[in-house]
C-alpha cells in the first residue's frame, strides 16, 4: 500500500492535467478542483504513513509472538522476548510537538482545532462591535 500512494498521486495529477488541456470550458474549474484535491491529499499523507507504520509494527509484534511459541532455542527466545519488550515499551507513535498524534484521527483533530479557533475569533468580533 505504501508504495502505491505515489503512483496514485501521479495518476491523479496526469488525469487532471489531461482533462484541463482537452476540455477548455472546464479549465478553470478543473484547476481549482485539482489544487483542492492535491492539497487535501498532501495534508492527509502524514496521517496515512503514520497509521501504516503503526500497523506494520503491530504485525511485527504479532509475528514475533508466533515465533516465540514455536522456538526451542533459549538464546533465540531471549532475543525474541527482547524484541517484543522493545515494541511494547517504545510503540511506533508519531506526534507533532507532543500536541497531537499523527494517525488516522489527524484530519479530525485539525478540523476540531480549526473550528474551535474560528468560534473564538467570531466571539471576539462580536464583543468588539
N, C-alpha and C. Protein backbone atom coordinates (compact mmCIF):
# COMPACT_ATOMS: atom_id res chain seq x y z
N UNK A 1 0.82 -1.20 0.00
CA UNK A 1 0.00 0.00 0.00
C UNK A 1 0.86 1.26 0.00
N UNK A 2 1.95 1.26 0.76
CA UNK A 2 2.79 2.45 0.86
C UNK A 2 3.39 2.79 -0.49
N UNK A 3 3.82 1.79 -1.24
CA UNK A 3 4.48 2.06 -2.50
C UNK A 3 3.49 2.47 -3.59
N UNK A 4 2.20 2.21 -3.41
CA UNK A 4 1.22 2.57 -4.41
C UNK A 4 0.76 4.02 -4.30
N UNK A 5 0.96 4.67 -3.14
CA UNK A 5 0.48 6.03 -2.97
C UNK A 5 1.10 7.02 -3.95
N UNK A 6 2.42 7.03 -4.17
CA UNK A 6 2.96 7.96 -5.18
C UNK A 6 2.42 7.67 -6.58
N UNK A 7 2.17 6.42 -6.88
CA UNK A 7 1.61 6.08 -8.19
C UNK A 7 0.22 6.67 -8.34
N UNK A 8 -0.63 6.52 -7.33
CA UNK A 8 -1.99 7.07 -7.40
C UNK A 8 -1.96 8.58 -7.46
N UNK A 9 -1.04 9.18 -6.75
CA UNK A 9 -0.91 10.64 -6.76
C UNK A 9 -0.51 11.12 -8.16
N UNK A 10 0.44 10.43 -8.80
CA UNK A 10 0.84 10.84 -10.14
C UNK A 10 -0.27 10.60 -11.16
N UNK A 11 -1.04 9.53 -11.00
CA UNK A 11 -2.18 9.29 -11.89
C UNK A 11 -3.21 10.40 -11.72
N UNK A 12 -3.46 10.85 -10.49
CA UNK A 12 -4.39 11.94 -10.25
C UNK A 12 -3.93 13.21 -10.95
N UNK A 13 -2.64 13.53 -10.83
CA UNK A 13 -2.12 14.72 -11.49
C UNK A 13 -2.19 14.62 -13.01
N UNK A 14 -1.83 13.46 -13.56
CA UNK A 14 -1.90 13.29 -15.01
C UNK A 14 -3.34 13.37 -15.52
N UNK A 15 -4.27 12.79 -14.79
CA UNK A 15 -5.67 12.82 -15.19
C UNK A 15 -6.22 14.24 -15.20
N UNK A 16 -5.94 15.00 -14.14
CA UNK A 16 -6.44 16.38 -14.10
C UNK A 16 -5.76 17.25 -15.16
N UNK A 17 -4.48 16.99 -15.42
CA UNK A 17 -3.78 17.74 -16.46
C UNK A 17 -4.37 17.42 -17.84
N UNK A 18 -4.66 16.15 -18.09
CA UNK A 18 -5.24 15.74 -19.37
C UNK A 18 -6.62 16.37 -19.57
N UNK A 19 -7.45 16.35 -18.54
CA UNK A 19 -8.79 16.91 -18.66
C UNK A 19 -8.72 18.42 -18.85
N UNK A 20 -7.87 19.09 -18.10
CA UNK A 20 -7.81 20.55 -18.20
C UNK A 20 -7.27 21.01 -19.55
N UNK A 21 -6.45 20.21 -20.22
CA UNK A 21 -5.93 20.59 -21.53
C UNK A 21 -6.93 20.28 -22.65
N UNK A 22 -7.72 19.23 -22.51
CA UNK A 22 -8.60 18.79 -23.59
C UNK A 22 -10.02 19.34 -23.50
N UNK A 23 -10.44 19.83 -22.36
CA UNK A 23 -11.79 20.37 -22.22
C UNK A 23 -11.65 21.83 -21.77
N UNK A 24 -11.66 22.77 -22.72
CA UNK A 24 -11.38 24.16 -22.38
C UNK A 24 -12.43 24.80 -21.47
N UNK A 25 -13.71 24.39 -21.59
CA UNK A 25 -14.73 25.04 -20.75
C UNK A 25 -14.61 24.64 -19.29
N UNK A 26 -13.93 23.54 -18.99
CA UNK A 26 -13.73 23.12 -17.60
C UNK A 26 -12.36 23.53 -17.06
N UNK A 27 -11.60 24.27 -17.82
CA UNK A 27 -10.21 24.54 -17.47
C UNK A 27 -10.07 25.21 -16.10
N UNK A 28 -10.85 26.24 -15.82
CA UNK A 28 -10.73 26.92 -14.53
C UNK A 28 -11.22 26.05 -13.38
N UNK A 29 -12.33 25.36 -13.58
CA UNK A 29 -12.89 24.53 -12.51
C UNK A 29 -11.99 23.34 -12.20
N UNK A 30 -11.42 22.74 -13.22
CA UNK A 30 -10.55 21.58 -13.00
C UNK A 30 -9.30 21.98 -12.25
N UNK A 31 -8.74 23.13 -12.58
CA UNK A 31 -7.52 23.53 -11.89
C UNK A 31 -7.80 23.81 -10.42
N UNK A 32 -8.94 24.39 -10.12
CA UNK A 32 -9.30 24.63 -8.72
C UNK A 32 -9.56 23.30 -8.02
N UNK A 33 -10.28 22.42 -8.69
CA UNK A 33 -10.58 21.12 -8.09
C UNK A 33 -9.31 20.29 -7.91
N UNK A 34 -8.42 20.35 -8.88
CA UNK A 34 -7.19 19.57 -8.75
C UNK A 34 -6.31 20.12 -7.64
N UNK A 35 -6.23 21.45 -7.53
CA UNK A 35 -5.46 22.03 -6.43
C UNK A 35 -6.06 21.65 -5.08
N UNK A 36 -7.37 21.69 -5.00
CA UNK A 36 -8.04 21.31 -3.75
C UNK A 36 -7.76 19.85 -3.41
N UNK A 37 -7.90 18.95 -4.40
CA UNK A 37 -7.68 17.53 -4.13
C UNK A 37 -6.22 17.24 -3.80
N UNK A 38 -5.29 17.91 -4.45
CA UNK A 38 -3.87 17.70 -4.15
C UNK A 38 -3.55 18.21 -2.75
N UNK A 39 -4.10 19.36 -2.37
CA UNK A 39 -3.85 19.89 -1.03
C UNK A 39 -4.44 18.99 0.05
N UNK A 40 -5.63 18.47 -0.18
CA UNK A 40 -6.23 17.55 0.78
C UNK A 40 -5.40 16.27 0.86
N UNK A 41 -4.99 15.75 -0.30
CA UNK A 41 -4.19 14.52 -0.34
C UNK A 41 -2.87 14.71 0.41
N UNK A 42 -2.20 15.84 0.17
CA UNK A 42 -0.91 16.07 0.81
C UNK A 42 -1.05 16.30 2.31
N UNK A 43 -2.16 16.89 2.74
CA UNK A 43 -2.33 17.09 4.18
C UNK A 43 -2.67 15.80 4.90
N UNK A 44 -3.28 14.84 4.20
CA UNK A 44 -3.62 13.56 4.82
C UNK A 44 -2.50 12.54 4.72
N UNK A 45 -1.51 12.80 3.90
CA UNK A 45 -0.44 11.83 3.68
C UNK A 45 0.35 11.47 4.94
N UNK A 46 0.73 12.43 5.80
CA UNK A 46 1.44 12.02 7.02
C UNK A 46 0.60 11.11 7.92
N UNK A 47 -0.70 11.37 7.98
CA UNK A 47 -1.57 10.52 8.80
C UNK A 47 -1.60 9.10 8.24
N UNK A 48 -1.64 8.98 6.93
CA UNK A 48 -1.67 7.65 6.31
C UNK A 48 -0.38 6.90 6.59
N UNK A 49 0.76 7.58 6.41
CA UNK A 49 2.04 6.92 6.66
C UNK A 49 2.23 6.58 8.14
N UNK A 50 1.77 7.45 9.04
CA UNK A 50 1.85 7.16 10.46
C UNK A 50 1.03 5.94 10.83
N UNK A 51 -0.16 5.84 10.27
CA UNK A 51 -1.02 4.70 10.55
C UNK A 51 -0.44 3.41 9.96
N UNK A 52 0.14 3.51 8.76
CA UNK A 52 0.76 2.34 8.14
C UNK A 52 1.97 1.85 8.95
N UNK A 53 2.77 2.79 9.46
CA UNK A 53 3.93 2.40 10.28
C UNK A 53 3.48 1.75 11.58
N UNK A 54 2.42 2.26 12.16
CA UNK A 54 1.89 1.68 13.39
C UNK A 54 1.36 0.27 13.14
N UNK A 55 0.65 0.09 12.04
CA UNK A 55 0.12 -1.23 11.71
C UNK A 55 1.24 -2.22 11.42
N UNK A 56 2.29 -1.76 10.76
CA UNK A 56 3.43 -2.64 10.48
C UNK A 56 4.14 -3.06 11.76
N UNK A 57 4.27 -2.15 12.72
CA UNK A 57 4.89 -2.51 14.00
C UNK A 57 4.04 -3.54 14.74
N UNK A 58 2.72 -3.41 14.66
CA UNK A 58 1.85 -4.41 15.29
C UNK A 58 1.98 -5.78 14.61
N UNK A 59 2.12 -5.78 13.28
CA UNK A 59 2.33 -7.06 12.58
C UNK A 59 3.65 -7.70 12.97
N UNK A 60 4.68 -6.88 13.11
CA UNK A 60 5.99 -7.41 13.54
C UNK A 60 5.88 -8.01 14.93
N UNK A 61 5.17 -7.30 15.81
CA UNK A 61 4.98 -7.81 17.17
C UNK A 61 4.21 -9.12 17.18
N UNK A 62 3.18 -9.23 16.36
CA UNK A 62 2.42 -10.48 16.27
C UNK A 62 3.27 -11.61 15.70
N UNK A 63 4.09 -11.32 14.70
CA UNK A 63 4.97 -12.34 14.14
C UNK A 63 6.02 -12.81 15.15
N UNK A 64 6.53 -11.87 15.94
CA UNK A 64 7.48 -12.26 16.98
C UNK A 64 6.81 -13.14 18.03
N UNK A 65 5.56 -12.85 18.37
CA UNK A 65 4.84 -13.69 19.33
C UNK A 65 4.61 -15.09 18.76
N UNK A 66 4.33 -15.19 17.47
CA UNK A 66 4.18 -16.51 16.84
C UNK A 66 5.50 -17.27 16.84
N UNK A 67 6.58 -16.58 16.53
CA UNK A 67 7.89 -17.22 16.52
C UNK A 67 8.29 -17.67 17.92
N UNK A 68 7.87 -16.92 18.94
CA UNK A 68 8.19 -17.28 20.31
C UNK A 68 7.54 -18.60 20.70
N UNK A 69 6.34 -18.86 20.19
CA UNK A 69 5.63 -20.10 20.52
C UNK A 69 6.29 -21.35 19.92
N UNK A 70 6.94 -21.19 18.76
CA UNK A 70 7.50 -22.37 18.10
C UNK A 70 9.01 -22.49 18.26
N UNK A 71 9.64 -21.52 18.89
CA UNK A 71 11.10 -21.52 19.02
C UNK A 71 11.54 -22.36 20.21
N UNK A 72 12.59 -23.18 20.01
CA UNK A 72 13.11 -24.04 21.07
C UNK A 72 14.47 -23.59 21.58
N UNK A 73 15.16 -22.74 20.86
CA UNK A 73 16.48 -22.27 21.26
C UNK A 73 16.34 -21.20 22.35
N UNK A 74 17.07 -21.37 23.44
CA UNK A 74 16.97 -20.43 24.56
C UNK A 74 17.51 -19.05 24.18
N UNK A 75 18.62 -19.02 23.44
CA UNK A 75 19.20 -17.73 23.05
C UNK A 75 18.27 -16.97 22.10
N UNK A 76 17.69 -17.71 21.15
CA UNK A 76 16.78 -17.07 20.21
C UNK A 76 15.49 -16.61 20.91
N UNK A 77 15.01 -17.39 21.87
CA UNK A 77 13.82 -16.99 22.63
C UNK A 77 14.08 -15.70 23.40
N UNK A 78 15.31 -15.56 23.93
CA UNK A 78 15.65 -14.34 24.66
C UNK A 78 15.64 -13.14 23.73
N UNK A 79 16.19 -13.31 22.54
CA UNK A 79 16.20 -12.21 21.57
C UNK A 79 14.78 -11.84 21.13
N UNK A 80 13.94 -12.83 20.93
CA UNK A 80 12.55 -12.57 20.53
C UNK A 80 11.82 -11.84 21.65
N UNK A 81 12.03 -12.26 22.90
CA UNK A 81 11.41 -11.56 24.03
C UNK A 81 11.91 -10.13 24.15
N UNK A 82 13.21 -9.92 23.86
CA UNK A 82 13.74 -8.55 23.87
C UNK A 82 13.05 -7.69 22.81
N UNK A 83 12.83 -8.27 21.62
CA UNK A 83 12.16 -7.53 20.56
C UNK A 83 10.72 -7.20 20.91
N UNK A 84 10.01 -8.15 21.51
CA UNK A 84 8.62 -7.90 21.92
C UNK A 84 8.57 -6.84 23.01
N UNK A 85 9.48 -6.94 23.96
CA UNK A 85 9.51 -5.95 25.05
C UNK A 85 9.84 -4.56 24.51
N UNK A 86 10.76 -4.48 23.55
CA UNK A 86 11.10 -3.19 22.95
C UNK A 86 9.90 -2.58 22.26
N UNK A 87 9.15 -3.39 21.52
CA UNK A 87 7.97 -2.86 20.83
C UNK A 87 6.86 -2.48 21.79
N UNK A 88 6.81 -3.11 22.96
CA UNK A 88 5.81 -2.72 23.96
C UNK A 88 6.22 -1.44 24.68
N UNK A 89 7.52 -1.29 24.96
CA UNK A 89 7.98 -0.09 25.67
C UNK A 89 8.07 1.13 24.77
N UNK A 90 8.43 0.92 23.52
CA UNK A 90 8.59 2.04 22.57
C UNK A 90 7.66 1.83 21.38
N UNK A 91 6.36 2.05 21.55
CA UNK A 91 5.45 1.84 20.42
C UNK A 91 5.69 2.87 19.33
N UNK A 92 5.33 2.51 18.11
CA UNK A 92 5.51 3.40 16.97
C UNK A 92 4.34 4.38 16.94
N UNK A 93 4.58 5.55 17.52
CA UNK A 93 3.58 6.61 17.53
C UNK A 93 4.30 7.91 17.22
N UNK A 94 3.74 8.66 16.30
CA UNK A 94 4.33 9.93 15.91
C UNK A 94 3.47 11.06 16.45
N UNK A 95 4.12 12.08 17.01
CA UNK A 95 3.39 13.25 17.48
C UNK A 95 4.05 14.51 16.92
N UNK A 96 3.28 15.56 16.85
CA UNK A 96 3.80 16.86 16.43
C UNK A 96 3.87 17.73 17.67
N UNK A 97 5.06 18.03 18.13
CA UNK A 97 5.33 18.82 19.32
C UNK A 97 4.59 18.28 20.54
N UNK A 98 4.35 16.98 20.58
CA UNK A 98 3.60 16.32 21.65
C UNK A 98 2.22 16.93 21.85
N UNK A 99 1.72 17.58 20.82
CA UNK A 99 0.41 18.23 20.89
C UNK A 99 -0.69 17.33 20.35
N UNK A 100 -0.43 16.73 19.18
CA UNK A 100 -1.42 15.81 18.61
C UNK A 100 -0.70 14.69 17.88
N UNK A 101 -1.37 13.55 17.84
CA UNK A 101 -0.78 12.34 17.25
C UNK A 101 -0.98 12.33 15.74
N UNK A 102 0.01 11.78 15.04
CA UNK A 102 -0.08 11.63 13.59
C UNK A 102 -0.56 10.21 13.32
N UNK A 103 -1.88 10.08 13.24
CA UNK A 103 -2.50 8.79 12.93
C UNK A 103 -3.79 9.05 12.17
N UNK A 104 -4.67 8.09 12.14
CA UNK A 104 -5.88 8.25 11.33
C UNK A 104 -6.83 9.31 11.88
N UNK A 105 -6.67 9.71 13.12
CA UNK A 105 -7.54 10.75 13.68
C UNK A 105 -7.00 12.16 13.44
N UNK A 106 -5.88 12.29 12.74
CA UNK A 106 -5.27 13.60 12.50
C UNK A 106 -6.20 14.56 11.75
N UNK A 107 -6.87 14.16 10.66
CA UNK A 107 -7.74 15.12 9.98
C UNK A 107 -8.86 15.67 10.87
N UNK A 108 -9.44 14.82 11.70
CA UNK A 108 -10.49 15.29 12.60
C UNK A 108 -9.93 16.20 13.68
N UNK A 109 -8.71 15.93 14.13
CA UNK A 109 -8.07 16.78 15.13
C UNK A 109 -7.81 18.17 14.55
N UNK A 110 -7.29 18.22 13.33
CA UNK A 110 -7.04 19.50 12.68
C UNK A 110 -8.34 20.27 12.48
N UNK A 111 -9.37 19.56 12.06
CA UNK A 111 -10.67 20.19 11.86
C UNK A 111 -11.23 20.71 13.18
N UNK A 112 -11.07 19.98 14.26
CA UNK A 112 -11.60 20.45 15.55
C UNK A 112 -10.84 21.68 16.04
N UNK A 113 -9.50 21.72 15.85
CA UNK A 113 -8.75 22.92 16.21
C UNK A 113 -9.19 24.11 15.36
N UNK A 114 -9.37 23.89 14.09
CA UNK A 114 -9.79 24.96 13.19
C UNK A 114 -11.16 25.51 13.60
N UNK A 115 -12.10 24.64 13.90
CA UNK A 115 -13.45 25.07 14.26
C UNK A 115 -13.43 25.80 15.60
N UNK A 116 -12.69 25.28 16.58
CA UNK A 116 -12.68 25.93 17.89
C UNK A 116 -12.06 27.33 17.82
N UNK A 117 -10.97 27.49 17.08
CA UNK A 117 -10.36 28.81 16.96
C UNK A 117 -11.22 29.76 16.13
N UNK A 118 -11.95 29.24 15.17
CA UNK A 118 -12.87 30.08 14.40
C UNK A 118 -13.99 30.59 15.31
N UNK A 119 -14.50 29.74 16.17
CA UNK A 119 -15.55 30.16 17.10
C UNK A 119 -15.03 31.22 18.05
N UNK A 120 -13.81 31.06 18.54
CA UNK A 120 -13.22 32.05 19.43
C UNK A 120 -13.06 33.38 18.71
N UNK A 121 -12.58 33.36 17.48
CA UNK A 121 -12.42 34.60 16.71
C UNK A 121 -13.77 35.27 16.45
N UNK A 122 -14.80 34.50 16.16
CA UNK A 122 -16.12 35.07 15.94
C UNK A 122 -16.66 35.71 17.22
N UNK A 123 -16.38 35.09 18.35
CA UNK A 123 -16.82 35.68 19.60
C UNK A 123 -16.09 36.99 19.89
N UNK A 124 -14.81 37.06 19.56
CA UNK A 124 -14.07 38.32 19.74
C UNK A 124 -14.60 39.40 18.81
N UNK A 125 -15.00 39.02 17.60
CA UNK A 125 -15.56 40.01 16.68
C UNK A 125 -16.89 40.55 17.19
N UNK A 126 -17.70 39.70 17.80
CA UNK A 126 -18.98 40.16 18.33
C UNK A 126 -18.78 41.07 19.53
N UNK A 127 -17.78 40.83 20.36
CA UNK A 127 -17.52 41.66 21.52
C UNK A 127 -17.01 43.02 21.06
N UNK A 128 -16.23 43.07 20.02
CA UNK A 128 -15.63 44.31 19.52
C UNK A 128 -16.68 45.25 18.94
N UNK A 129 -17.69 44.71 18.26
CA UNK A 129 -18.69 45.58 17.62
C UNK A 129 -19.87 45.90 18.50
